[in-house]
Amino acid sequence: MQADTYRIATFAAPLSRDGPGLLLRDLQRGDDPQIAAITDVITHLDPDVLILTDFDYDQDLIALRAFADRFNPGYPHLFALRPNAGLATGLDLDGNGRLGDARDAQGYGRFAGDGGMAIMSRFAVLDDQVTDISMTLWRDLPGATLPQMDGVSFLDPAAQDVLRLSSTAHWIVPIALPDGAPLSVMAFSATPPVFDGPEDMNGLRNRDELRLWEVVLSGAYGPAPDSFVVAGNANLDPQDGDGFSDAMTAFLQNPLLQDALPGQATADWPEDGPGDLRVSYVLPSADWTVSGAGVFWPAPDDPDRALIGDDGLAAGPHRIVWVDITRW
């Protein structure tokens, strides 16, 4: 008997715009070369479940449906919730003396829904079984490390009372597979561990956003999912770049999950900047058999290179990451 194989992918494709509704505008116009390149890459890889980690949210998922309609076969099952990105706190979180800046939101964002997450699936999303832990306060994470300046908390009590840990979101989304138990997609997109000051607020938050999954897998928030995949943009390389690399290294060694792509970079940034880093991940639980995996990064002489352009940036600096899993 042939076992079913499922391709799970994540893509930090740049599907965010400068204001609400502009992504839908660009999708409807149909002449945006970057959207066309992103569509071509996804079509080429043809995942069964795709987690997008830079997709503007609107309440009725109009933009997400417009994007999903670009594919044949399509993605009849869509999921997104309002992210923390751009959600106003009413506080001066970055301490610059002004209110309402992008850095004063729950997660960096110029408007509510800016750069959220979305899931497109060929299989039914069990909406009534979704667990959204995006509202967890940072201070409430067991073992949380909040930023300090000169031995004093950088976040005053009012900020600690409202600031959520998730800069975008943390979702556990069960998806009904045709051959057995659901697959729980543990999706997230963490803040970059840069663009802050000596208090290292973003670096510490980035580490704790990853640690939130460790806490979930430990059973601290109730029974951990049986069959799962952790997928999204951790914005953290286990060896290079800024941030607490050792936290990523430790997470990849968790015996409950498996890493099919050790050492492969997933983002093409300038060498005089961050350089090529591994920041996006698809990590299945240990009960799955991995039958294939990859980062779509064709060489300059590969015919598939045309999909990402001569400079490799037609679909943005991030690469789509995929893993094929089977139950046997």
Protein backbone atom coordinates (compact mmCIF):
# COMPACT_ATOMS: atom_id res chain seq x y z
CA MET A 1 0.00 0.00 0.00
CA GLN A 2 1.37 3.39 -1.00
CA ALA A 3 1.56 5.87 1.87
CA ASP A 4 0.25 9.38 1.28
CA THR A 5 2.91 12.07 1.12
CA TYR A 6 2.20 15.65 2.14
CA ARG A 7 4.30 18.65 1.19
CA ILE A 8 4.38 21.32 3.89
CA ALA A 9 6.04 24.63 3.06
CA THR A 10 6.65 28.05 4.51
CA PHE A 11 7.46 31.22 2.59
CA ALA A 12 8.30 34.67 3.95
CA ALA A 13 7.22 36.12 0.62
CA PRO A 14 6.91 39.92 0.66
CA LEU A 15 3.13 40.16 0.47
CA SER A 16 2.81 43.17 2.74
CA ARG A 17 2.23 46.72 1.58
CA ASP A 18 2.46 50.27 2.97
CA GLY A 19 -1.19 50.53 3.98
CA PRO A 20 -4.42 48.56 4.47
CA GLY A 21 -6.07 47.39 1.27
CA LEU A 22 -3.01 47.97 -0.93
CA LEU A 23 -2.19 44.28 -1.20
CA LEU A 24 -5.69 43.57 -2.50
CA ARG A 25 -5.29 46.45 -4.96
CA ASP A 26 -2.07 44.97 -6.30
CA LEU A 27 -3.57 41.49 -6.54
CA GLN A 28 -6.59 42.77 -8.45
CA ARG A 29 -4.50 44.82 -10.88
CA GLY A 30 -2.62 41.70 -11.88
CA ASP A 31 0.48 43.54 -13.08
CA ASP A 32 2.78 43.29 -10.05
CA PRO A 33 5.95 41.44 -11.13
CA GLN A 34 6.87 40.45 -7.59
CA ILE A 35 3.47 38.87 -6.93
CA ALA A 36 3.79 37.08 -10.28
CA ALA A 37 7.21 35.70 -9.29
CA ILE A 38 5.93 34.59 -5.87
CA THR A 39 3.00 32.85 -7.55
CA ASP A 40 5.32 31.07 -9.98
CA VAL A 41 7.59 29.82 -7.20
CA ILE A 42 4.67 28.46 -5.18
CA THR A 43 3.16 26.84 -8.27
CA HIS A 44 6.49 25.18 -9.05
CA LEU A 45 6.85 23.72 -5.54
CA ASP A 46 3.13 22.87 -5.32
CA PRO A 47 2.81 22.45 -1.53
CA ASP A 48 -0.28 20.89 0.03
CA VAL A 49 -0.10 23.23 3.00
CA LEU A 50 1.61 26.62 2.81
CA ILE A 51 2.34 28.98 5.69
CA LEU A 52 2.88 32.58 4.55
CA THR A 53 4.66 34.77 7.11
CA ASP A 54 4.46 38.27 5.60
CA PHE A 55 0.87 38.61 4.38
CA ASP A 56 -1.33 41.59 5.23
CA TYR A 57 -4.46 40.62 7.14
CA ASP A 58 -7.98 41.78 6.46
CA GLN A 59 -10.92 40.60 8.51
CA ASP A 60 -12.82 38.88 5.69
CA LEU A 61 -9.66 37.34 4.15
CA ILE A 62 -10.48 39.05 0.86
CA ALA A 63 -6.84 39.51 -0.12
CA LEU A 64 -5.98 35.95 0.89
CA ARG A 65 -8.81 34.57 -1.25
CA ALA A 66 -7.68 36.71 -4.18
CA PHE A 67 -4.18 35.31 -3.81
CA ALA A 68 -5.36 31.69 -3.44
CA ASP A 69 -7.43 32.05 -6.62
CA ARG A 70 -4.19 32.41 -8.58
CA PHE A 71 -3.44 28.69 -8.19
CA ASN A 72 -4.72 25.64 -10.05
CA PRO A 73 -5.23 23.23 -8.40
CA GLY A 74 -6.32 25.69 -5.81
CA TYR A 75 -6.30 26.05 -2.07
CA PRO A 76 -9.93 25.80 -0.95
CA HIS A 77 -9.11 26.01 2.75
CA LEU A 78 -7.75 29.29 4.08
CA PHE A 79 -6.94 30.43 7.59
CA ALA A 80 -5.78 33.67 9.18
CA LEU A 81 -6.43 35.55 12.40
CA ARG A 82 -5.72 39.17 13.24
CA PRO A 83 -2.01 39.35 14.11
CA ASN A 84 -0.37 41.33 16.85
CA ALA A 85 1.58 43.26 14.22
CA GLY A 86 0.31 46.82 14.05
CA LEU A 87 -2.14 46.33 16.90
CA ALA A 88 -2.02 49.56 18.92
CA THR A 89 -1.09 49.44 22.60
CA GLY A 90 -1.60 53.15 23.34
CA LEU A 91 1.79 53.19 25.04
CA ASP A 92 5.26 54.48 24.20
CA LEU A 93 6.89 51.06 24.09
CA ASP A 94 10.10 52.15 22.38
CA GLY A 95 10.65 55.02 24.80
CA ASN A 96 11.09 57.73 22.17
CA GLY A 97 8.54 60.06 23.74
CA ARG A 98 5.89 59.58 21.01
CA LEU A 99 2.76 57.47 20.80
CA GLY A 100 1.40 55.59 17.84
CA ASP A 101 4.67 54.70 16.12
CA ALA A 102 5.03 51.34 14.41
CA ARG A 103 7.24 50.18 17.28
CA ASP A 104 4.58 51.09 19.83
CA ALA A 105 2.24 48.37 18.53
CA GLN A 106 2.07 44.86 19.96
CA GLY A 107 4.34 43.88 17.10
CA TYR A 108 6.04 46.21 14.65
CA GLY A 109 3.43 47.41 12.18
CA ARG A 110 2.34 50.57 10.41
CA PHE A 111 -1.31 49.52 10.54
CA ALA A 112 -3.37 46.76 12.12
CA GLY A 113 -2.73 43.55 10.20
CA ASP A 114 0.54 44.73 8.65
CA GLY A 115 2.69 41.73 7.73
CA GLY A 116 0.52 39.05 9.33
CA MET A 117 0.41 35.32 8.65
CA ALA A 118 -1.83 33.11 6.56
CA ILE A 119 -2.28 29.42 5.81
CA MET A 120 -3.45 27.99 2.50
CA SER A 121 -4.35 24.30 2.50
CA ARG A 122 -5.70 21.63 0.19
CA PHE A 123 -7.17 19.89 3.23
CA ALA A 124 -9.78 21.11 5.67
CA VAL A 125 -8.69 23.38 8.49
CA LEU A 126 -10.37 22.38 11.74
CA ASP A 127 -11.22 25.93 12.76
CA ASP A 128 -13.09 24.91 15.89
CA GLN A 129 -9.96 23.20 17.23
CA VAL A 130 -7.47 26.02 16.60
CA THR A 131 -5.44 27.20 19.57
CA ASP A 132 -4.29 30.81 19.40
CA ILE A 133 -1.67 31.64 22.03
CA SER A 134 -0.78 34.99 20.49
CA MET A 135 -2.29 36.87 23.42
CA THR A 136 0.17 35.42 25.95
CA LEU A 137 1.86 38.29 27.76
CA TRP A 138 5.62 38.28 27.47
CA ARG A 139 6.02 38.50 31.25
CA ASP A 140 3.84 35.37 31.66
CA LEU A 141 6.09 33.05 29.66
CA PRO A 142 7.81 30.72 32.14
CA GLY A 143 11.41 31.83 32.38
CA ALA A 144 10.82 35.01 30.36
CA THR A 145 13.76 37.41 30.10
CA LEU A 146 12.52 40.98 29.82
CA PRO A 147 14.88 43.75 28.69
CA GLN A 148 16.72 45.91 31.19
CA MET A 149 18.76 49.08 31.12
CA ASP A 150 21.32 49.66 33.87
CA GLY A 151 19.67 47.03 36.01
CA VAL A 152 16.20 48.57 35.66
CA SER A 153 13.37 47.12 33.62
CA PHE A 154 13.14 48.75 30.18
CA LEU A 155 9.38 48.08 30.18
CA ASP A 156 7.47 49.88 32.90
CA PRO A 157 4.64 48.07 34.75
CA ALA A 158 1.99 49.48 32.40
CA ALA A 159 3.86 48.07 29.39
CA GLN A 160 4.41 44.71 31.04
CA ASP A 161 0.68 44.53 31.72
CA VAL A 162 -0.20 44.72 28.02
CA LEU A 163 2.78 43.65 25.88
CA ARG A 164 2.24 40.29 24.27
CA LEU A 165 5.12 37.95 23.53
CA SER A 166 4.12 37.21 19.92
CA SER A 167 5.21 40.00 17.61
CA THR A 168 3.02 38.48 14.89
CA ALA A 169 1.26 35.33 16.07
CA HIS A 170 1.58 31.81 17.44
CA TRP A 171 -1.11 29.43 16.20
CA ILE A 172 -1.71 25.71 16.56
CA VAL A 173 -3.88 24.88 13.55
CA PRO A 174 -5.10 21.28 13.10
CA ILE A 175 -5.51 20.23 9.47
CA ALA A 176 -7.56 17.16 8.58
CA LEU A 177 -5.46 14.78 6.48
CA PRO A 178 -7.19 12.12 4.39
CA ASP A 179 -5.26 9.14 5.79
CA GLY A 180 -5.47 9.55 9.53
CA ALA A 181 -5.08 11.89 12.46
CA PRO A 182 -4.88 15.65 11.88
CA LEU A 183 -1.59 17.46 11.44
CA SER A 184 -1.18 20.35 13.87
CA VAL A 185 0.57 23.25 12.17
CA MET A 186 2.41 25.27 14.80
CA ALA A 187 2.86 28.50 12.85
CA PHE A 188 4.72 31.63 13.91
CA SER A 189 6.72 34.61 12.68
CA ALA A 190 9.14 36.15 15.16
CA THR A 191 10.57 39.65 15.37
CA PRO A 192 14.04 40.20 13.88
CA PRO A 193 16.58 40.30 16.74
CA VAL A 194 17.83 43.72 15.59
CA PHE A 195 16.53 47.31 15.21
CA ASP A 196 16.64 48.00 18.95
CA GLY A 197 19.08 49.50 21.44
CA PRO A 198 21.46 48.32 24.15
CA GLU A 199 18.52 46.86 26.06
CA ASP A 200 18.29 44.19 23.29
CA MET A 201 14.51 44.13 23.45
CA ASN A 202 14.06 42.54 20.04
CA GLY A 203 16.82 39.99 20.57
CA LEU A 204 15.34 38.86 23.89
CA ARG A 205 11.83 38.82 22.49
CA ASN A 206 12.92 36.82 19.46
CA ARG A 207 14.45 34.19 21.73
CA ASP A 208 11.37 33.98 23.91
CA GLU A 209 9.08 33.72 20.86
CA LEU A 210 10.97 30.54 20.00
CA ARG A 211 10.94 29.39 23.61
CA LEU A 212 7.15 29.63 23.62
CA TRP A 213 7.08 26.53 21.41
CA GLU A 214 9.37 24.75 23.87
CA VAL A 215 6.89 25.52 26.61
CA VAL A 216 3.99 24.27 24.46
CA LEU A 217 5.83 21.02 23.68
CA SER A 218 6.58 20.54 27.37
CA GLY A 219 2.84 20.38 28.05
CA ALA A 220 2.76 23.53 30.18
CA TYR A 221 -0.22 24.87 28.18
CA GLY A 222 -2.11 21.57 28.10
CA PRO A 223 -1.42 18.38 26.15
CA ALA A 224 1.10 18.97 23.39
CA PRO A 225 0.03 18.04 19.84
CA ASP A 226 0.80 14.45 18.83
CA SER A 227 1.57 14.90 15.14
CA PHE A 228 2.75 18.40 14.30
CA VAL A 229 5.01 20.58 12.26
CA VAL A 230 6.61 23.78 13.52
CA ALA A 231 6.68 26.14 10.54
CA GLY A 232 7.40 29.78 9.94
CA ASN A 233 10.02 32.48 10.18
CA ALA A 234 12.02 32.27 13.39
CA ASN A 235 14.29 35.12 12.21
CA LEU A 236 17.11 33.26 13.93
CA ASP A 237 20.04 31.31 12.49
CA PRO A 238 21.56 28.55 14.62
CA GLN A 239 25.11 29.60 13.76
CA ASP A 240 25.38 33.07 12.25
CA GLY A 241 23.85 36.53 12.36
CA ASP A 242 22.45 38.49 15.27
CA GLY A 243 20.31 37.02 17.99
CA PHE A 244 20.66 34.14 20.42
CA SER A 245 21.84 31.44 18.02
CA ASP A 246 22.28 28.96 20.84
CA ALA A 247 18.52 29.06 21.45
CA MET A 248 17.89 27.96 17.86
CA THR A 249 20.55 25.26 18.10
CA ALA A 250 18.95 23.89 21.26
CA PHE A 251 15.48 23.95 19.72
CA LEU A 252 16.63 21.99 16.67
CA GLN A 253 17.96 19.31 19.00
CA ASN A 254 14.58 18.79 20.68
CA PRO A 255 13.89 15.03 20.41
CA LEU A 256 10.21 15.68 19.73
CA LEU A 257 10.98 17.13 16.29
CA GLN A 258 13.34 16.55 13.37
CA ASP A 259 15.40 18.85 11.20
CA ALA A 260 15.61 17.69 7.59
CA LEU A 261 17.63 20.67 6.34
CA PRO A 262 20.55 21.30 8.71
CA GLY A 263 22.76 24.17 7.72
CA GLN A 264 20.83 25.39 4.68
CA ALA A 265 20.36 29.15 4.34
CA THR A 266 16.85 30.39 3.54
CA ALA A 267 17.38 34.13 3.00
CA ASP A 268 19.58 35.98 0.52
CA TRP A 269 20.68 39.22 2.16
CA PRO A 270 23.65 41.39 1.11
CA GLU A 271 27.08 40.24 2.21
CA ASP A 272 27.75 43.70 3.65
CA GLY A 273 24.59 43.23 5.74
CA PRO A 274 23.25 40.09 7.39
CA GLY A 275 24.46 37.78 4.58
CA ASP A 276 22.84 34.44 3.76
CA LEU A 277 21.08 33.12 6.86
CA ARG A 278 18.77 30.31 7.85
CA VAL A 279 15.66 31.93 9.32
CA SER A 280 12.64 29.98 7.97
CA TYR A 281 11.91 26.44 9.13
CA VAL A 282 9.63 23.45 8.58
CA LEU A 283 10.23 21.00 11.43
CA PRO A 284 8.02 17.88 11.56
CA SER A 285 7.41 15.95 14.74
CA ALA A 286 9.46 12.79 15.23
CA ASP A 287 6.59 10.44 14.34
CA TRP A 288 6.67 11.46 10.65
CA THR A 289 8.92 9.98 7.98
CA VAL A 290 10.61 12.70 5.95
CA SER A 291 10.73 11.61 2.30
CA GLY A 292 12.09 14.85 0.87
CA ALA A 293 13.01 18.40 1.80
CA GLY A 294 14.53 21.47 0.27
CA VAL A 295 15.09 25.19 0.05
CA PHE A 296 14.21 26.53 -3.41
CA TRP A 297 17.40 28.29 -4.36
CA PRO A 298 18.34 27.33 -7.93
CA ALA A 299 21.89 28.00 -9.09
CA PRO A 300 22.52 30.64 -11.78
CA ASP A 301 22.85 27.94 -14.46
CA ASP A 302 19.72 26.05 -13.37
CA PRO A 303 16.75 26.48 -15.76
CA ASP A 304 14.55 27.06 -12.70
CA ARG A 305 16.60 30.18 -11.94
CA ALA A 306 14.24 32.12 -14.19
CA LEU A 307 11.58 31.79 -11.49
CA ILE A 308 13.54 34.00 -9.10
CA GLY A 309 15.26 36.22 -11.66
CA ASP A 310 18.88 36.79 -12.59
CA ASP A 311 19.58 38.50 -9.27
CA GLY A 312 17.64 35.87 -7.34
CA LEU A 313 15.37 38.48 -5.79
CA ALA A 314 12.32 38.53 -8.08
CA ALA A 315 10.22 36.86 -5.37
CA GLY A 316 12.00 38.65 -2.50
CA PRO A 317 15.08 37.75 -0.46
CA HIS A 318 13.49 34.80 1.33
CA ARG A 319 13.32 31.30 -0.13
CA ILE A 320 10.41 28.91 0.12
CA VAL A 321 11.23 25.98 2.43
CA TRP A 322 9.46 22.64 2.06
CA VAL A 323 9.37 19.18 3.63
CA ASP A 324 7.60 16.07 2.33
CA ILE A 325 6.25 13.86 5.11
CA THR A 326 4.57 10.46 5.22
CA ARG A 327 3.15 8.48 8.10
CA TRP A 328 5.38 5.44 7.44
